[in-house]
Amino acid sequence: MSTRVGLGIDVHRFADAAAGRPLVLGGVRFDGELGLAGHSDADAVAHAVADALLGAAALGDIGEHFPDTDPDLAGADSIELLRRSAELVRDAGWNPVNVDCVVLLEQPKLAPRRAEMQARLTAAAGAPVTVRGTRPEGLGALGRAEGVAAWAVALVEAR
């Protein structure tokens, strides 16, 4: 098989305001917004992209390679975890071709920062990454702005 497709999904709830965590999505910090809870910086977008690439190369998932039980990864930069995931994919004989990611959240609006997010993700993945945002229109936990979910699909090709 010369090409493969992988799917990555990640969900994080918003942290308590007292936690003082910054919101990071696609490697971009959204100042003035409530941050996400997680062991790393909780960047659900970067995590979904990494999982999609790892899945396409049949290399497991981000939690397998970068477990939330590892104290050295506390507060880790998820763009760096994505870069390392893409490196694992290349080391396994696959080249990332592209990744498409959809982010489901009520706030903040992604469009004003989309180009910056795509540039950071693309540089880390070593292949074009597109990001699209959509709102849950008030439905469920995400509609109540309790967190963020991201889905990503990656295409890789054999070297």
N, C-alpha and C. Protein backbone atom coordinates (compact mmCIF):
# COMPACT_ATOMS: atom_id res chain seq x y z
N MET A 1 0.84 -1.17 0.00
CA MET A 1 0.00 0.00 0.00
C MET A 1 0.90 1.25 0.00
N SER A 2 0.64 2.19 -0.89
CA SER A 2 1.50 3.37 -0.99
C SER A 2 0.96 4.59 -0.26
N THR A 3 -0.34 4.60 0.08
CA THR A 3 -0.91 5.70 0.86
C THR A 3 -1.78 5.13 1.97
N ARG A 4 -1.90 5.90 3.02
CA ARG A 4 -2.76 5.53 4.14
C ARG A 4 -3.43 6.78 4.68
N VAL A 5 -4.58 6.57 5.32
CA VAL A 5 -5.33 7.65 5.93
C VAL A 5 -5.47 7.35 7.42
N GLY A 6 -5.36 8.38 8.25
CA GLY A 6 -5.55 8.23 9.69
C GLY A 6 -6.51 9.27 10.22
N LEU A 7 -7.22 8.91 11.28
CA LEU A 7 -8.19 9.80 11.92
C LEU A 7 -7.74 10.08 13.34
N GLY A 8 -7.74 11.33 13.73
CA GLY A 8 -7.41 11.71 15.10
C GLY A 8 -8.54 12.52 15.70
N ILE A 9 -8.85 12.24 16.95
CA ILE A 9 -9.90 12.96 17.67
C ILE A 9 -9.37 13.31 19.04
N ASP A 10 -9.62 14.54 19.50
CA ASP A 10 -9.24 14.90 20.85
C ASP A 10 -10.28 15.86 21.42
N VAL A 11 -10.51 15.71 22.72
CA VAL A 11 -11.48 16.54 23.43
C VAL A 11 -10.85 16.96 24.76
N HIS A 12 -10.98 18.22 25.11
CA HIS A 12 -10.53 18.72 26.41
C HIS A 12 -11.59 19.65 26.97
N ARG A 13 -11.82 19.54 28.25
CA ARG A 13 -12.74 20.47 28.93
C ARG A 13 -11.96 21.72 29.31
N PHE A 14 -12.69 22.82 29.50
CA PHE A 14 -12.05 24.04 29.96
C PHE A 14 -11.66 23.87 31.42
N ALA A 15 -10.51 24.41 31.80
CA ALA A 15 -10.03 24.39 33.17
C ALA A 15 -10.76 25.45 33.98
N ASP A 16 -10.71 25.31 35.28
CA ASP A 16 -11.25 26.34 36.16
C ASP A 16 -10.46 27.62 35.95
N ALA A 17 -11.14 28.74 36.04
CA ALA A 17 -10.47 30.03 35.85
C ALA A 17 -9.32 30.21 36.83
N ALA A 18 -9.45 29.64 38.03
CA ALA A 18 -8.41 29.77 39.04
C ALA A 18 -7.11 29.07 38.64
N ALA A 19 -7.20 28.14 37.71
CA ALA A 19 -6.01 27.40 37.27
C ALA A 19 -5.05 28.31 36.50
N GLY A 20 -5.58 29.36 35.90
CA GLY A 20 -4.74 30.32 35.18
C GLY A 20 -4.07 29.75 33.94
N ARG A 21 -4.65 28.72 33.35
CA ARG A 21 -4.06 28.11 32.15
C ARG A 21 -4.39 28.94 30.92
N PRO A 22 -3.42 29.15 30.04
CA PRO A 22 -3.72 29.85 28.78
C PRO A 22 -4.43 28.90 27.82
N LEU A 23 -5.24 29.46 26.94
CA LEU A 23 -5.86 28.66 25.89
C LEU A 23 -4.89 28.60 24.71
N VAL A 24 -4.53 27.37 24.33
CA VAL A 24 -3.65 27.15 23.19
C VAL A 24 -4.37 26.22 22.22
N LEU A 25 -4.54 26.68 21.00
CA LEU A 25 -5.17 25.88 19.94
C LEU A 25 -4.33 26.01 18.68
N GLY A 26 -3.93 24.87 18.13
CA GLY A 26 -3.11 24.89 16.92
C GLY A 26 -1.78 25.59 17.14
N GLY A 27 -1.28 25.54 18.37
CA GLY A 27 -0.01 26.17 18.68
C GLY A 27 -0.09 27.67 18.89
N VAL A 28 -1.29 28.22 18.89
CA VAL A 28 -1.49 29.66 19.04
C VAL A 28 -2.18 29.94 20.37
N ARG A 29 -1.63 30.89 21.09
CA ARG A 29 -2.20 31.27 22.38
C ARG A 29 -3.30 32.31 22.17
N PHE A 30 -4.46 32.05 22.77
CA PHE A 30 -5.60 32.96 22.69
C PHE A 30 -5.71 33.67 24.04
N ASP A 31 -5.09 34.82 24.13
CA ASP A 31 -5.09 35.57 25.38
C ASP A 31 -6.51 36.01 25.75
N GLY A 32 -6.77 36.02 27.06
CA GLY A 32 -8.07 36.46 27.55
C GLY A 32 -9.14 35.38 27.52
N GLU A 33 -8.78 34.18 27.08
CA GLU A 33 -9.73 33.07 27.03
C GLU A 33 -9.37 32.04 28.10
N LEU A 34 -10.36 31.32 28.56
CA LEU A 34 -10.16 30.25 29.53
C LEU A 34 -9.37 29.12 28.88
N GLY A 35 -8.36 28.60 29.56
CA GLY A 35 -7.54 27.52 29.02
C GLY A 35 -8.20 26.17 29.19
N LEU A 36 -7.61 25.17 28.54
CA LEU A 36 -8.12 23.81 28.60
C LEU A 36 -7.37 23.00 29.66
N ALA A 37 -8.06 22.05 30.27
CA ALA A 37 -7.47 21.17 31.27
C ALA A 37 -6.74 20.04 30.57
N GLY A 38 -5.57 19.69 31.09
CA GLY A 38 -4.82 18.58 30.52
C GLY A 38 -3.42 18.53 31.10
N HIS A 39 -2.74 17.42 30.86
CA HIS A 39 -1.39 17.22 31.39
C HIS A 39 -0.39 18.12 30.65
N SER A 40 -0.51 18.19 29.33
CA SER A 40 0.36 19.06 28.52
C SER A 40 -0.30 20.44 28.49
N ASP A 41 -0.08 21.19 27.42
CA ASP A 41 -0.78 22.48 27.28
C ASP A 41 -2.22 22.29 26.82
N ALA A 42 -2.63 21.02 26.61
CA ALA A 42 -4.01 20.64 26.28
C ALA A 42 -4.48 21.18 24.93
N ASP A 43 -3.58 21.33 23.99
CA ASP A 43 -3.92 21.81 22.65
C ASP A 43 -4.63 20.70 21.88
N ALA A 44 -5.96 20.69 21.94
CA ALA A 44 -6.75 19.63 21.32
C ALA A 44 -6.53 19.56 19.81
N VAL A 45 -6.25 20.68 19.18
CA VAL A 45 -6.03 20.71 17.73
C VAL A 45 -4.73 19.98 17.38
N ALA A 46 -3.64 20.35 18.04
CA ALA A 46 -2.36 19.69 17.78
C ALA A 46 -2.43 18.21 18.13
N HIS A 47 -3.16 17.86 19.19
CA HIS A 47 -3.30 16.45 19.58
C HIS A 47 -4.05 15.65 18.51
N ALA A 48 -5.12 16.20 17.97
CA ALA A 48 -5.88 15.50 16.94
C ALA A 48 -5.03 15.31 15.68
N VAL A 49 -4.27 16.33 15.31
CA VAL A 49 -3.40 16.24 14.13
C VAL A 49 -2.33 15.17 14.35
N ALA A 50 -1.72 15.15 15.53
CA ALA A 50 -0.70 14.14 15.84
C ALA A 50 -1.30 12.74 15.80
N ASP A 51 -2.48 12.57 16.39
CA ASP A 51 -3.12 11.25 16.39
C ASP A 51 -3.46 10.79 14.98
N ALA A 52 -3.90 11.71 14.13
CA ALA A 52 -4.22 11.35 12.75
C ALA A 52 -2.98 10.86 12.01
N LEU A 53 -1.87 11.56 12.19
CA LEU A 53 -0.61 11.14 11.54
C LEU A 53 -0.14 9.80 12.08
N LEU A 54 -0.15 9.65 13.40
CA LEU A 54 0.29 8.38 14.00
C LEU A 54 -0.61 7.23 13.56
N GLY A 55 -1.91 7.48 13.52
CA GLY A 55 -2.85 6.44 13.09
C GLY A 55 -2.64 6.02 11.65
N ALA A 56 -2.38 6.99 10.78
CA ALA A 56 -2.15 6.67 9.37
C ALA A 56 -0.93 5.78 9.19
N ALA A 57 0.06 5.94 10.04
CA ALA A 57 1.28 5.14 9.96
C ALA A 57 1.20 3.88 10.84
N ALA A 58 0.03 3.63 11.42
CA ALA A 58 -0.19 2.48 12.30
C ALA A 58 0.79 2.48 13.48
N LEU A 59 0.98 3.66 14.08
CA LEU A 59 1.93 3.82 15.18
C LEU A 59 1.24 4.09 16.52
N GLY A 60 -0.01 3.74 16.63
CA GLY A 60 -0.70 3.96 17.89
C GLY A 60 -1.24 5.37 18.00
N ASP A 61 -1.20 5.91 19.23
CA ASP A 61 -1.75 7.24 19.44
C ASP A 61 -0.81 8.09 20.29
N ILE A 62 -1.16 9.34 20.43
CA ILE A 62 -0.31 10.30 21.13
C ILE A 62 -0.10 9.90 22.59
N GLY A 63 -1.12 9.33 23.23
CA GLY A 63 -1.00 8.91 24.61
C GLY A 63 -0.02 7.76 24.80
N GLU A 64 0.13 6.94 23.80
CA GLU A 64 1.08 5.84 23.85
C GLU A 64 2.52 6.36 23.80
N HIS A 65 2.75 7.35 22.98
CA HIS A 65 4.10 7.89 22.81
C HIS A 65 4.44 8.97 23.83
N PHE A 66 3.44 9.71 24.28
CA PHE A 66 3.64 10.82 25.20
C PHE A 66 2.59 10.74 26.31
N PRO A 67 2.73 9.77 27.22
CA PRO A 67 1.68 9.50 28.22
C PRO A 67 1.50 10.63 29.24
N ASP A 68 0.26 10.79 29.68
CA ASP A 68 -0.03 11.82 30.68
C ASP A 68 0.43 11.42 32.08
N THR A 69 1.06 10.26 32.18
CA THR A 69 1.66 9.82 33.44
C THR A 69 3.13 10.21 33.54
N ASP A 70 3.68 10.77 32.46
CA ASP A 70 5.09 11.15 32.43
C ASP A 70 5.24 12.57 32.99
N PRO A 71 5.84 12.70 34.18
CA PRO A 71 5.97 14.04 34.77
C PRO A 71 6.80 15.00 33.92
N ASP A 72 7.68 14.48 33.08
CA ASP A 72 8.48 15.34 32.21
C ASP A 72 7.63 16.03 31.14
N LEU A 73 6.43 15.51 30.90
CA LEU A 73 5.56 16.09 29.88
C LEU A 73 4.52 17.04 30.45
N ALA A 74 4.55 17.27 31.76
CA ALA A 74 3.61 18.21 32.37
C ALA A 74 3.81 19.59 31.75
N GLY A 75 2.73 20.13 31.21
CA GLY A 75 2.78 21.45 30.58
C GLY A 75 3.47 21.47 29.23
N ALA A 76 3.72 20.30 28.65
CA ALA A 76 4.47 20.20 27.38
C ALA A 76 3.80 21.00 26.27
N ASP A 77 4.63 21.53 25.39
CA ASP A 77 4.18 22.25 24.19
C ASP A 77 3.71 21.20 23.18
N SER A 78 2.42 21.22 22.88
CA SER A 78 1.85 20.21 21.98
C SER A 78 2.34 20.34 20.55
N ILE A 79 2.79 21.50 20.14
CA ILE A 79 3.39 21.64 18.82
C ILE A 79 4.67 20.81 18.75
N GLU A 80 5.41 20.79 19.83
CA GLU A 80 6.61 19.95 19.89
C GLU A 80 6.22 18.46 19.87
N LEU A 81 5.14 18.09 20.55
CA LEU A 81 4.68 16.70 20.51
C LEU A 81 4.24 16.33 19.09
N LEU A 82 3.61 17.26 18.39
CA LEU A 82 3.24 17.03 16.99
C LEU A 82 4.48 16.86 16.13
N ARG A 83 5.48 17.72 16.32
CA ARG A 83 6.72 17.61 15.56
C ARG A 83 7.36 16.25 15.78
N ARG A 84 7.41 15.81 17.03
CA ARG A 84 7.98 14.51 17.35
C ARG A 84 7.15 13.37 16.77
N SER A 85 5.83 13.51 16.75
CA SER A 85 4.96 12.50 16.15
C SER A 85 5.21 12.38 14.66
N ALA A 86 5.34 13.53 13.98
CA ALA A 86 5.62 13.51 12.54
C ALA A 86 6.98 12.87 12.26
N GLU A 87 7.92 13.10 13.15
CA GLU A 87 9.24 12.47 13.02
C GLU A 87 9.12 10.94 13.14
N LEU A 88 8.30 10.47 14.08
CA LEU A 88 8.07 9.02 14.22
C LEU A 88 7.46 8.45 12.94
N VAL A 89 6.53 9.19 12.35
CA VAL A 89 5.89 8.76 11.11
C VAL A 89 6.93 8.64 9.99
N ARG A 90 7.78 9.66 9.87
CA ARG A 90 8.82 9.61 8.84
C ARG A 90 9.83 8.49 9.11
N ASP A 91 10.19 8.29 10.38
CA ASP A 91 11.12 7.21 10.73
C ASP A 91 10.55 5.83 10.40
N ALA A 92 9.22 5.72 10.36
CA ALA A 92 8.56 4.46 10.04
C ALA A 92 8.39 4.27 8.53
N GLY A 93 8.93 5.22 7.74
CA GLY A 93 8.89 5.07 6.28
C GLY A 93 7.73 5.76 5.59
N TRP A 94 7.06 6.68 6.29
CA TRP A 94 5.91 7.38 5.72
C TRP A 94 6.18 8.87 5.69
N ASN A 95 5.71 9.54 4.65
CA ASN A 95 5.78 10.99 4.55
C ASN A 95 4.39 11.57 4.71
N PRO A 96 4.19 12.51 5.62
CA PRO A 96 2.90 13.19 5.70
C PRO A 96 2.64 13.94 4.39
N VAL A 97 1.42 13.81 3.87
CA VAL A 97 1.02 14.51 2.65
C VAL A 97 0.21 15.75 3.00
N ASN A 98 -0.81 15.58 3.82
CA ASN A 98 -1.61 16.70 4.30
C ASN A 98 -2.48 16.24 5.46
N VAL A 99 -2.98 17.22 6.22
CA VAL A 99 -3.90 16.96 7.33
C VAL A 99 -4.98 18.02 7.28
N ASP A 100 -6.21 17.59 7.48
CA ASP A 100 -7.35 18.52 7.56
C ASP A 100 -7.96 18.36 8.94
N CYS A 101 -8.20 19.47 9.63
CA CYS A 101 -8.70 19.42 11.00
C CYS A 101 -9.93 20.31 11.14
N VAL A 102 -10.96 19.77 11.80
CA VAL A 102 -12.17 20.53 12.12
C VAL A 102 -12.23 20.66 13.63
N VAL A 103 -12.48 21.88 14.10
CA VAL A 103 -12.54 22.16 15.53
C VAL A 103 -13.96 22.58 15.87
N LEU A 104 -14.53 21.94 16.89
CA LEU A 104 -15.89 22.23 17.32
C LEU A 104 -15.83 22.94 18.67
N LEU A 105 -16.27 24.22 18.68
CA LEU A 105 -16.25 25.01 19.90
C LEU A 105 -17.16 26.22 19.74
N GLU A 106 -17.65 26.71 20.87
CA GLU A 106 -18.48 27.91 20.85
C GLU A 106 -17.62 29.17 20.77
N GLN A 107 -16.51 29.16 21.48
CA GLN A 107 -15.63 30.32 21.51
C GLN A 107 -14.23 29.86 21.82
N PRO A 108 -13.23 30.57 21.41
CA PRO A 108 -13.24 31.80 20.62
C PRO A 108 -13.42 31.51 19.14
N LYS A 109 -13.62 32.55 18.38
CA LYS A 109 -13.65 32.43 16.92
C LYS A 109 -12.25 32.11 16.43
N LEU A 110 -12.13 31.13 15.55
CA LEU A 110 -10.82 30.72 15.05
C LEU A 110 -10.39 31.50 13.80
N ALA A 111 -11.35 31.97 13.03
CA ALA A 111 -11.03 32.60 11.74
C ALA A 111 -9.96 33.69 11.83
N PRO A 112 -10.00 34.57 12.82
CA PRO A 112 -8.97 35.62 12.87
C PRO A 112 -7.55 35.08 13.09
N ARG A 113 -7.42 33.87 13.59
CA ARG A 113 -6.10 33.29 13.90
C ARG A 113 -5.79 32.05 13.06
N ARG A 114 -6.71 31.72 12.14
CA ARG A 114 -6.58 30.48 11.36
C ARG A 114 -5.25 30.39 10.61
N ALA A 115 -4.84 31.43 9.93
CA ALA A 115 -3.59 31.38 9.15
C ALA A 115 -2.40 31.10 10.06
N GLU A 116 -2.39 31.73 11.23
CA GLU A 116 -1.30 31.51 12.19
C GLU A 116 -1.30 30.07 12.70
N MET A 117 -2.49 29.54 13.00
CA MET A 117 -2.61 28.15 13.46
C MET A 117 -2.11 27.20 12.36
N GLN A 118 -2.56 27.42 11.15
CA GLN A 118 -2.17 26.55 10.04
C GLN A 118 -0.67 26.58 9.81
N ALA A 119 -0.07 27.75 9.93
CA ALA A 119 1.38 27.87 9.73
C ALA A 119 2.14 27.11 10.80
N ARG A 120 1.73 27.24 12.07
CA ARG A 120 2.41 26.53 13.17
C ARG A 120 2.26 25.02 13.01
N LEU A 121 1.05 24.56 12.70
CA LEU A 121 0.79 23.12 12.55
C LEU A 121 1.52 22.56 11.33
N THR A 122 1.52 23.29 10.24
CA THR A 122 2.19 22.85 9.01
C THR A 122 3.69 22.71 9.24
N ALA A 123 4.29 23.67 9.92
CA ALA A 123 5.72 23.60 10.20
C ALA A 123 6.05 22.38 11.06
N ALA A 124 5.22 22.09 12.04
CA ALA A 124 5.48 20.95 12.93
C ALA A 124 5.24 19.61 12.23
N ALA A 125 4.20 19.54 11.41
CA ALA A 125 3.86 18.28 10.75
C ALA A 125 4.73 18.01 9.53
N GLY A 126 5.29 19.06 8.95
CA GLY A 126 6.09 18.89 7.74
C GLY A 126 5.25 18.63 6.52
N ALA A 127 3.99 19.04 6.57
CA ALA A 127 3.04 18.90 5.47
C ALA A 127 1.91 19.91 5.71
N PRO A 128 1.19 20.29 4.65
CA PRO A 128 0.11 21.26 4.82
C PRO A 128 -0.96 20.77 5.80
N VAL A 129 -1.33 21.65 6.73
CA VAL A 129 -2.41 21.37 7.68
C VAL A 129 -3.43 22.50 7.53
N THR A 130 -4.67 22.12 7.28
CA THR A 130 -5.75 23.10 7.23
C THR A 130 -6.59 22.97 8.50
N VAL A 131 -7.16 24.09 8.94
CA VAL A 131 -7.99 24.13 10.14
C VAL A 131 -9.29 24.82 9.79
N ARG A 132 -10.37 24.21 10.21
CA ARG A 132 -11.70 24.81 10.03
C ARG A 132 -12.43 24.75 11.36
N GLY A 133 -13.14 25.79 11.69
CA GLY A 133 -13.91 25.82 12.92
C GLY A 133 -15.39 25.77 12.64
N THR A 134 -16.12 25.17 13.57
CA THR A 134 -17.58 25.16 13.49
C THR A 134 -18.13 25.23 14.90
N ARG A 135 -19.34 25.74 15.02
CA ARG A 135 -19.99 25.89 16.33
C ARG A 135 -21.00 24.79 16.54
N PRO A 136 -21.14 24.32 17.79
CA PRO A 136 -22.16 23.33 18.10
C PRO A 136 -23.55 23.92 18.29
N GLU A 137 -23.67 25.23 18.11
CA GLU A 137 -24.96 25.92 18.16
C GLU A 137 -25.73 25.67 19.45
N GLY A 138 -24.99 25.63 20.56
CA GLY A 138 -25.63 25.50 21.88
C GLY A 138 -26.00 24.08 22.27
N LEU A 139 -25.67 23.09 21.44
CA LEU A 139 -26.04 21.71 21.73
C LEU A 139 -25.00 21.00 22.60
N GLY A 140 -25.44 20.36 23.66
CA GLY A 140 -24.58 19.52 24.48
C GLY A 140 -23.51 20.28 25.24
N ALA A 141 -22.55 19.51 25.78
CA ALA A 141 -21.48 20.09 26.61
C ALA A 141 -20.64 21.09 25.82
N LEU A 142 -20.35 20.79 24.56
CA LEU A 142 -19.57 21.73 23.76
C LEU A 142 -20.38 22.98 23.46
N GLY A 143 -21.66 22.82 23.25
CA GLY A 143 -22.54 23.97 23.02
C GLY A 143 -22.69 24.86 24.24
N ARG A 144 -22.51 24.27 25.42
CA ARG A 144 -22.53 25.05 26.66
C ARG A 144 -21.14 25.63 26.95
N ALA A 145 -20.23 25.52 26.00
CA ALA A 145 -18.86 26.06 26.11
C ALA A 145 -18.12 25.43 27.28
N GLU A 146 -18.28 24.11 27.44
CA GLU A 146 -17.58 23.39 28.50
C GLU A 146 -16.25 22.83 28.03
N GLY A 147 -15.98 22.89 26.71
CA GLY A 147 -14.72 22.37 26.21
C GLY A 147 -14.61 22.53 24.71
N VAL A 148 -13.61 21.83 24.16
CA VAL A 148 -13.27 21.90 22.74
C VAL A 148 -13.05 20.48 22.23
N ALA A 149 -13.51 20.21 21.02
CA ALA A 149 -13.25 18.93 20.37
C ALA A 149 -12.63 19.20 19.00
N ALA A 150 -11.73 18.32 18.59
CA ALA A 150 -11.09 18.46 17.28
C ALA A 150 -11.00 17.10 16.61
N TRP A 151 -11.26 17.07 15.30
CA TRP A 151 -11.13 15.88 14.47
C TRP A 151 -10.15 16.21 13.36
N ALA A 152 -9.27 15.27 13.07
CA ALA A 152 -8.30 15.49 11.99
C ALA A 152 -8.18 14.22 11.16
N VAL A 153 -7.98 14.42 9.86
CA VAL A 153 -7.74 13.32 8.93
C VAL A 153 -6.40 13.60 8.25
N ALA A 154 -5.53 12.60 8.27
CA ALA A 154 -4.20 12.75 7.68
C ALA A 154 -4.01 11.75 6.56
N LEU A 155 -3.29 12.19 5.54
CA LEU A 155 -2.87 11.30 4.45
C LEU A 155 -1.35 11.21 4.51
N VAL A 156 -0.85 9.98 4.47
CA VAL A 156 0.59 9.74 4.41
C VAL A 156 0.88 8.85 3.21
N GLU A 157 2.10 8.96 2.68
CA GLU A 157 2.51 8.12 1.56
C GLU A 157 3.83 7.45 1.89
N ALA A 158 4.00 6.25 1.36
CA ALA A 158 5.22 5.51 1.60
C ALA A 158 6.38 6.20 0.88
N ARG A 159 7.53 6.14 1.52
CA ARG A 159 8.74 6.70 0.90
C ARG A 159 9.29 5.71 -0.08
